[in-house]
Amino acid sequence: GRKAKNGKGEEDPKGTNANPPPQQQQEKSSNSNQFREREMEIALDAINSKKGGSAHAFLVWIYNAYPPKKDNATLPDGFSPISSPLDTKSALKKAIFHYHPDHADSHGICWKHFCGEVLKCLNNYYHSFK
């Protein structure tokens, strides 16, 4: 019988086609991009539903639901609903840095776009403290 070949044109004794042709690989990656796009669409809807609440509630939600992808990027220790306006403003400033889209290039276009939307919300909260 005819022996199966893998994606490199070599014989594949198990017939598993462990290395699919580039077209199949491309289809897989476009499917995962679609998933990421859909995930970000859901996240953007969630952001829109959280707008208008308190800055504290938004910060706690965003850090828990969609943590920043930077190492050690967390809310300040002791940040609570009774934090002073100055503490809240300081936490917003940190969050603006953590979610800034200019620092999100290495995490993909969907995350960068998401960070841009988060940044808009954070800036609105921040400017309400001036």
N, C-alpha and C. Protein backbone atom coordinates (compact mmCIF):
# COMPACT_ATOMS: atom_id res chain seq x y z
N GLY A 1 0.81 -1.18 0.00
CA GLY A 1 0.00 0.00 0.00
C GLY A 1 0.86 1.25 0.00
N ARG A 2 0.17 2.33 -0.22
CA ARG A 2 0.82 3.63 -0.28
C ARG A 2 1.03 4.17 1.12
N LYS A 3 2.26 4.64 1.43
CA LYS A 3 2.57 5.16 2.76
C LYS A 3 2.20 6.63 2.84
N ALA A 4 1.64 7.01 3.98
CA ALA A 4 1.26 8.41 4.20
C ALA A 4 2.51 9.26 4.35
N LYS A 5 2.41 10.50 3.96
CA LYS A 5 3.52 11.44 4.08
C LYS A 5 3.11 12.55 5.03
N ASN A 6 4.11 13.04 5.77
CA ASN A 6 3.82 14.17 6.66
C ASN A 6 3.90 15.46 5.85
N GLY A 7 3.74 16.60 6.52
CA GLY A 7 3.74 17.89 5.84
C GLY A 7 5.05 18.24 5.18
N LYS A 8 6.14 17.55 5.52
CA LYS A 8 7.45 17.81 4.92
C LYS A 8 7.71 16.90 3.73
N GLY A 9 6.75 16.06 3.37
CA GLY A 9 6.93 15.14 2.26
C GLY A 9 7.66 13.87 2.64
N GLU A 10 7.93 13.69 3.94
CA GLU A 10 8.62 12.49 4.42
C GLU A 10 7.58 11.44 4.77
N GLU A 11 8.00 10.16 4.75
CA GLU A 11 7.08 9.10 5.12
C GLU A 11 6.68 9.24 6.58
N ASP A 12 5.41 9.02 6.82
CA ASP A 12 4.86 9.09 8.17
C ASP A 12 4.33 7.70 8.51
N PRO A 13 5.14 6.88 9.19
CA PRO A 13 4.77 5.48 9.40
C PRO A 13 3.46 5.31 10.14
N LYS A 14 3.09 6.24 11.00
CA LYS A 14 1.84 6.12 11.76
C LYS A 14 0.66 6.71 10.99
N GLY A 15 0.97 7.45 9.93
CA GLY A 15 -0.10 8.08 9.15
C GLY A 15 -0.80 9.20 9.90
N THR A 16 -0.09 9.83 10.82
CA THR A 16 -0.74 10.86 11.66
C THR A 16 -0.68 12.24 11.05
N ASN A 17 0.17 12.44 10.05
CA ASN A 17 0.31 13.75 9.42
C ASN A 17 0.60 14.80 10.48
N ALA A 18 1.65 14.53 11.30
CA ALA A 18 1.99 15.37 12.44
C ALA A 18 2.26 16.82 12.05
N ASN A 19 2.75 17.06 10.86
CA ASN A 19 3.02 18.42 10.40
C ASN A 19 2.09 18.74 9.24
N PRO A 20 0.93 19.29 9.50
CA PRO A 20 -0.01 19.57 8.42
C PRO A 20 0.58 20.58 7.44
N PRO A 21 0.10 20.56 6.20
CA PRO A 21 0.58 21.53 5.22
C PRO A 21 0.34 22.96 5.70
N PRO A 22 1.10 23.91 5.17
CA PRO A 22 0.98 25.31 5.62
C PRO A 22 -0.44 25.85 5.58
N GLN A 23 -1.23 25.43 4.59
CA GLN A 23 -2.60 25.93 4.49
C GLN A 23 -3.41 25.55 5.74
N GLN A 24 -3.25 24.28 6.19
CA GLN A 24 -3.97 23.86 7.40
C GLN A 24 -3.46 24.60 8.63
N GLN A 25 -2.14 24.85 8.69
CA GLN A 25 -1.58 25.59 9.81
C GLN A 25 -2.15 27.00 9.83
N GLN A 26 -2.26 27.61 8.64
CA GLN A 26 -2.79 28.97 8.54
C GLN A 26 -4.25 29.00 9.00
N GLU A 27 -5.03 27.98 8.62
CA GLU A 27 -6.43 27.93 9.03
C GLU A 27 -6.53 27.86 10.54
N LYS A 28 -5.66 27.05 11.18
CA LYS A 28 -5.66 26.95 12.64
C LYS A 28 -5.38 28.29 13.28
N SER A 29 -4.35 29.02 12.78
CA SER A 29 -4.01 30.29 13.40
C SER A 29 -5.10 31.32 13.17
N SER A 30 -5.78 31.30 12.02
CA SER A 30 -6.85 32.28 11.81
C SER A 30 -8.02 31.97 12.73
N ASN A 31 -8.27 30.67 13.01
CA ASN A 31 -9.33 30.32 13.96
C ASN A 31 -9.00 30.82 15.35
N SER A 32 -7.73 30.70 15.76
CA SER A 32 -7.38 31.18 17.09
C SER A 32 -7.45 32.71 17.14
N ASN A 33 -7.14 33.39 16.03
CA ASN A 33 -7.29 34.85 15.99
C ASN A 33 -8.76 35.23 16.13
N GLN A 34 -9.63 34.47 15.46
CA GLN A 34 -11.06 34.75 15.58
C GLN A 34 -11.50 34.58 17.02
N PHE A 35 -10.99 33.54 17.68
CA PHE A 35 -11.34 33.33 19.09
C PHE A 35 -10.89 34.52 19.92
N ARG A 36 -9.67 34.99 19.69
CA ARG A 36 -9.18 36.13 20.46
C ARG A 36 -10.02 37.37 20.18
N GLU A 37 -10.40 37.54 18.93
CA GLU A 37 -11.23 38.69 18.58
C GLU A 37 -12.58 38.59 19.30
N ARG A 38 -13.16 37.41 19.33
CA ARG A 38 -14.45 37.22 19.99
C ARG A 38 -14.30 37.44 21.50
N GLU A 39 -13.21 36.93 22.07
CA GLU A 39 -12.97 37.12 23.51
C GLU A 39 -12.86 38.60 23.83
N MET A 40 -12.16 39.36 22.99
CA MET A 40 -12.01 40.80 23.23
C MET A 40 -13.33 41.52 23.03
N GLU A 41 -14.14 41.05 22.09
CA GLU A 41 -15.47 41.65 21.88
C GLU A 41 -16.30 41.52 23.16
N ILE A 42 -16.25 40.36 23.78
CA ILE A 42 -16.97 40.12 25.03
C ILE A 42 -16.41 41.03 26.13
N ALA A 43 -15.09 41.15 26.17
CA ALA A 43 -14.45 41.99 27.18
C ALA A 43 -14.85 43.45 27.00
N LEU A 44 -14.91 43.91 25.75
CA LEU A 44 -15.29 45.30 25.50
C LEU A 44 -16.74 45.55 25.92
N ASP A 45 -17.60 44.57 25.69
CA ASP A 45 -18.99 44.70 26.16
C ASP A 45 -19.03 44.81 27.68
N ALA A 46 -18.18 44.03 28.34
CA ALA A 46 -18.12 44.06 29.81
C ALA A 46 -17.64 45.43 30.29
N ILE A 47 -16.64 45.99 29.61
CA ILE A 47 -16.14 47.33 29.98
C ILE A 47 -17.27 48.35 29.88
N ASN A 48 -18.01 48.29 28.78
CA ASN A 48 -19.11 49.24 28.58
C ASN A 48 -20.16 49.11 29.68
N SER A 49 -20.36 47.90 30.15
CA SER A 49 -21.36 47.72 31.21
C SER A 49 -20.86 48.22 32.57
N LYS A 50 -19.55 48.36 32.73
CA LYS A 50 -18.97 48.82 34.00
C LYS A 50 -18.78 50.34 34.06
N LYS A 51 -18.84 51.00 32.91
CA LYS A 51 -18.66 52.46 32.88
C LYS A 51 -19.72 53.13 33.74
N GLY A 52 -19.32 54.21 34.38
CA GLY A 52 -20.29 54.98 35.15
C GLY A 52 -20.32 54.63 36.62
N GLY A 53 -19.74 53.49 36.99
CA GLY A 53 -19.66 53.14 38.41
C GLY A 53 -18.51 53.90 39.04
N SER A 54 -18.15 53.49 40.24
CA SER A 54 -17.05 54.17 40.92
C SER A 54 -15.71 53.76 40.32
N ALA A 55 -14.73 54.64 40.46
CA ALA A 55 -13.37 54.35 39.99
C ALA A 55 -12.82 53.14 40.72
N HIS A 56 -13.08 53.07 42.01
CA HIS A 56 -12.59 51.94 42.81
C HIS A 56 -13.15 50.62 42.26
N ALA A 57 -14.46 50.57 42.04
CA ALA A 57 -15.10 49.34 41.56
C ALA A 57 -14.54 48.95 40.18
N PHE A 58 -14.32 49.93 39.32
CA PHE A 58 -13.79 49.64 37.98
C PHE A 58 -12.37 49.08 38.10
N LEU A 59 -11.54 49.69 38.92
CA LEU A 59 -10.16 49.22 39.08
C LEU A 59 -10.11 47.79 39.60
N VAL A 60 -10.88 47.52 40.64
CA VAL A 60 -10.89 46.17 41.22
C VAL A 60 -11.38 45.17 40.17
N TRP A 61 -12.42 45.52 39.44
CA TRP A 61 -12.97 44.62 38.42
C TRP A 61 -11.95 44.37 37.31
N ILE A 62 -11.36 45.41 36.75
CA ILE A 62 -10.47 45.22 35.60
C ILE A 62 -9.23 44.42 35.98
N TYR A 63 -8.67 44.66 37.15
CA TYR A 63 -7.49 43.91 37.58
C TYR A 63 -7.81 42.44 37.85
N ASN A 64 -9.02 42.17 38.30
CA ASN A 64 -9.41 40.78 38.57
C ASN A 64 -9.87 40.07 37.30
N ALA A 65 -10.67 40.73 36.48
CA ALA A 65 -11.22 40.09 35.28
C ALA A 65 -10.20 40.01 34.15
N TYR A 66 -9.40 41.05 33.97
CA TYR A 66 -8.42 41.12 32.88
C TYR A 66 -7.11 41.69 33.41
N PRO A 67 -6.34 40.88 34.14
CA PRO A 67 -5.10 41.39 34.74
C PRO A 67 -4.13 41.91 33.69
N PRO A 68 -3.40 42.96 34.02
CA PRO A 68 -2.39 43.46 33.09
C PRO A 68 -1.36 42.37 32.80
N LYS A 69 -0.77 42.43 31.63
CA LYS A 69 0.19 41.40 31.23
C LYS A 69 1.62 41.77 31.61
N LYS A 70 1.77 42.82 32.38
CA LYS A 70 3.10 43.21 32.87
C LYS A 70 3.40 42.44 34.15
N ASP A 71 4.67 42.14 34.36
CA ASP A 71 5.07 41.47 35.60
C ASP A 71 4.80 42.39 36.80
N ASN A 72 4.30 41.82 37.86
CA ASN A 72 4.06 42.53 39.12
C ASN A 72 3.13 43.73 38.99
N ALA A 73 2.24 43.72 38.02
CA ALA A 73 1.29 44.81 37.84
C ALA A 73 0.04 44.50 38.65
N THR A 74 -0.05 45.11 39.81
CA THR A 74 -1.19 44.89 40.69
C THR A 74 -1.66 46.22 41.26
N LEU A 75 -2.83 46.18 41.84
CA LEU A 75 -3.31 47.36 42.57
C LEU A 75 -2.43 47.56 43.80
N PRO A 76 -2.33 48.79 44.27
CA PRO A 76 -1.52 49.04 45.47
C PRO A 76 -2.04 48.25 46.67
N ASP A 77 -1.13 47.80 47.52
CA ASP A 77 -1.52 47.10 48.76
C ASP A 77 -2.41 48.03 49.59
N GLY A 78 -3.45 47.46 50.13
CA GLY A 78 -4.33 48.24 50.99
C GLY A 78 -5.37 49.06 50.24
N PHE A 79 -5.44 48.95 48.92
CA PHE A 79 -6.44 49.68 48.14
C PHE A 79 -7.81 49.12 48.48
N SER A 80 -8.70 49.97 48.97
CA SER A 80 -10.01 49.49 49.41
C SER A 80 -11.08 50.54 49.09
N PRO A 81 -12.34 50.17 49.27
CA PRO A 81 -13.42 51.12 49.01
C PRO A 81 -13.32 52.39 49.85
N ILE A 82 -12.61 52.33 50.96
CA ILE A 82 -12.48 53.53 51.80
C ILE A 82 -11.16 54.26 51.55
N SER A 83 -10.49 53.91 50.45
CA SER A 83 -9.25 54.62 50.11
C SER A 83 -9.56 56.09 49.85
N SER A 84 -8.61 56.93 50.16
CA SER A 84 -8.80 58.37 49.95
C SER A 84 -8.84 58.68 48.46
N PRO A 85 -9.42 59.83 48.09
CA PRO A 85 -9.41 60.23 46.68
C PRO A 85 -7.98 60.29 46.11
N LEU A 86 -7.04 60.72 46.93
CA LEU A 86 -5.65 60.78 46.47
C LEU A 86 -5.11 59.37 46.19
N ASP A 87 -5.44 58.39 47.04
CA ASP A 87 -5.02 57.00 46.82
C ASP A 87 -5.67 56.42 45.56
N THR A 88 -6.93 56.74 45.35
CA THR A 88 -7.64 56.26 44.17
C THR A 88 -7.03 56.86 42.90
N LYS A 89 -6.74 58.15 42.96
CA LYS A 89 -6.12 58.81 41.80
C LYS A 89 -4.75 58.20 41.51
N SER A 90 -3.99 57.89 42.54
CA SER A 90 -2.68 57.27 42.38
C SER A 90 -2.82 55.87 41.77
N ALA A 91 -3.83 55.11 42.21
CA ALA A 91 -4.07 53.78 41.65
C ALA A 91 -4.48 53.87 40.18
N LEU A 92 -5.27 54.89 39.85
CA LEU A 92 -5.65 55.10 38.45
C LEU A 92 -4.43 55.40 37.59
N LYS A 93 -3.53 56.22 38.11
CA LYS A 93 -2.31 56.56 37.38
C LYS A 93 -1.47 55.31 37.10
N LYS A 94 -1.36 54.44 38.11
CA LYS A 94 -0.64 53.17 37.93
C LYS A 94 -1.33 52.31 36.88
N ALA A 95 -2.64 52.23 36.95
CA ALA A 95 -3.41 51.41 36.01
C ALA A 95 -3.26 51.93 34.58
N ILE A 96 -3.22 53.25 34.44
CA ILE A 96 -3.02 53.84 33.11
C ILE A 96 -1.69 53.36 32.53
N PHE A 97 -0.68 53.28 33.36
CA PHE A 97 0.62 52.77 32.91
C PHE A 97 0.52 51.27 32.59
N HIS A 98 -0.12 50.50 33.46
CA HIS A 98 -0.20 49.05 33.28
C HIS A 98 -0.98 48.65 32.03
N TYR A 99 -2.01 49.42 31.69
CA TYR A 99 -2.87 49.07 30.55
C TYR A 99 -2.60 49.93 29.31
N HIS A 100 -1.54 50.72 29.32
CA HIS A 100 -1.29 51.59 28.17
C HIS A 100 -1.00 50.76 26.93
N PRO A 101 -1.70 51.05 25.82
CA PRO A 101 -1.51 50.24 24.59
C PRO A 101 -0.10 50.31 24.01
N ASP A 102 0.64 51.37 24.29
CA ASP A 102 2.02 51.46 23.79
C ASP A 102 2.92 50.39 24.40
N HIS A 103 2.49 49.83 25.53
CA HIS A 103 3.26 48.77 26.19
C HIS A 103 2.68 47.39 25.91
N ALA A 104 1.71 47.30 24.98
CA ALA A 104 1.00 46.05 24.75
C ALA A 104 1.34 45.40 23.41
N ASP A 105 2.30 45.93 22.68
CA ASP A 105 2.60 45.41 21.34
C ASP A 105 2.92 43.92 21.32
N SER A 106 3.64 43.44 22.31
CA SER A 106 4.08 42.05 22.29
C SER A 106 2.97 41.07 22.65
N HIS A 107 1.79 41.56 22.97
CA HIS A 107 0.70 40.67 23.39
C HIS A 107 -0.40 40.57 22.34
N GLY A 108 -0.15 41.07 21.15
CA GLY A 108 -1.12 40.93 20.05
C GLY A 108 -2.00 42.14 19.87
N ILE A 109 -2.54 42.24 18.67
CA ILE A 109 -3.36 43.40 18.30
C ILE A 109 -4.66 43.46 19.09
N CYS A 110 -5.25 42.32 19.40
CA CYS A 110 -6.51 42.32 20.15
C CYS A 110 -6.30 42.87 21.56
N TRP A 111 -5.24 42.43 22.22
CA TRP A 111 -4.96 42.93 23.57
C TRP A 111 -4.63 44.42 23.52
N LYS A 112 -3.91 44.85 22.49
CA LYS A 112 -3.57 46.27 22.35
C LYS A 112 -4.84 47.10 22.19
N HIS A 113 -5.75 46.62 21.37
CA HIS A 113 -7.02 47.34 21.17
C HIS A 113 -7.81 47.38 22.48
N PHE A 114 -7.86 46.25 23.16
CA PHE A 114 -8.56 46.18 24.44
C PHE A 114 -7.97 47.18 25.42
N CYS A 115 -6.64 47.24 25.50
CA CYS A 115 -5.97 48.18 26.41
C CYS A 115 -6.32 49.62 26.06
N GLY A 116 -6.45 49.91 24.78
CA GLY A 116 -6.85 51.25 24.36
C GLY A 116 -8.21 51.63 24.91
N GLU A 117 -9.14 50.67 24.90
CA GLU A 117 -10.48 50.93 25.44
C GLU A 117 -10.45 51.07 26.96
N VAL A 118 -9.64 50.24 27.61
CA VAL A 118 -9.49 50.35 29.07
C VAL A 118 -8.90 51.72 29.41
N LEU A 119 -7.91 52.13 28.63
CA LEU A 119 -7.25 53.42 28.87
C LEU A 119 -8.24 54.58 28.79
N LYS A 120 -9.16 54.53 27.85
CA LYS A 120 -10.18 55.59 27.74
C LYS A 120 -10.98 55.69 29.05
N CYS A 121 -11.39 54.56 29.57
CA CYS A 121 -12.15 54.55 30.83
C CYS A 121 -11.31 55.08 31.98
N LEU A 122 -10.07 54.57 32.08
CA LEU A 122 -9.19 55.00 33.16
C LEU A 122 -8.94 56.50 33.10
N ASN A 123 -8.72 57.03 31.90
CA ASN A 123 -8.49 58.48 31.75
C ASN A 123 -9.71 59.28 32.18
N ASN A 124 -10.90 58.79 31.83
CA ASN A 124 -12.13 59.49 32.25
C ASN A 124 -12.24 59.53 33.77
N TYR A 125 -11.97 58.41 34.41
CA TYR A 125 -12.00 58.39 35.89
C TYR A 125 -10.91 59.32 36.45
N TYR A 126 -9.72 59.24 35.89
CA TYR A 126 -8.60 60.05 36.38
C TYR A 126 -8.91 61.53 36.31
N HIS A 127 -9.46 61.96 35.17
CA HIS A 127 -9.75 63.39 34.99
C HIS A 127 -10.90 63.85 35.87
N SER A 128 -11.72 62.93 36.34
CA SER A 128 -12.79 63.34 37.26
C SER A 128 -12.25 63.70 38.64
N PHE A 129 -10.99 63.37 38.92
CA PHE A 129 -10.36 63.68 40.20
C PHE A 129 -9.61 65.02 40.19
N LYS A 130 -9.56 65.67 39.05
CA LYS A 130 -8.81 66.94 38.96
C LYS A 130 -9.63 68.08 39.51
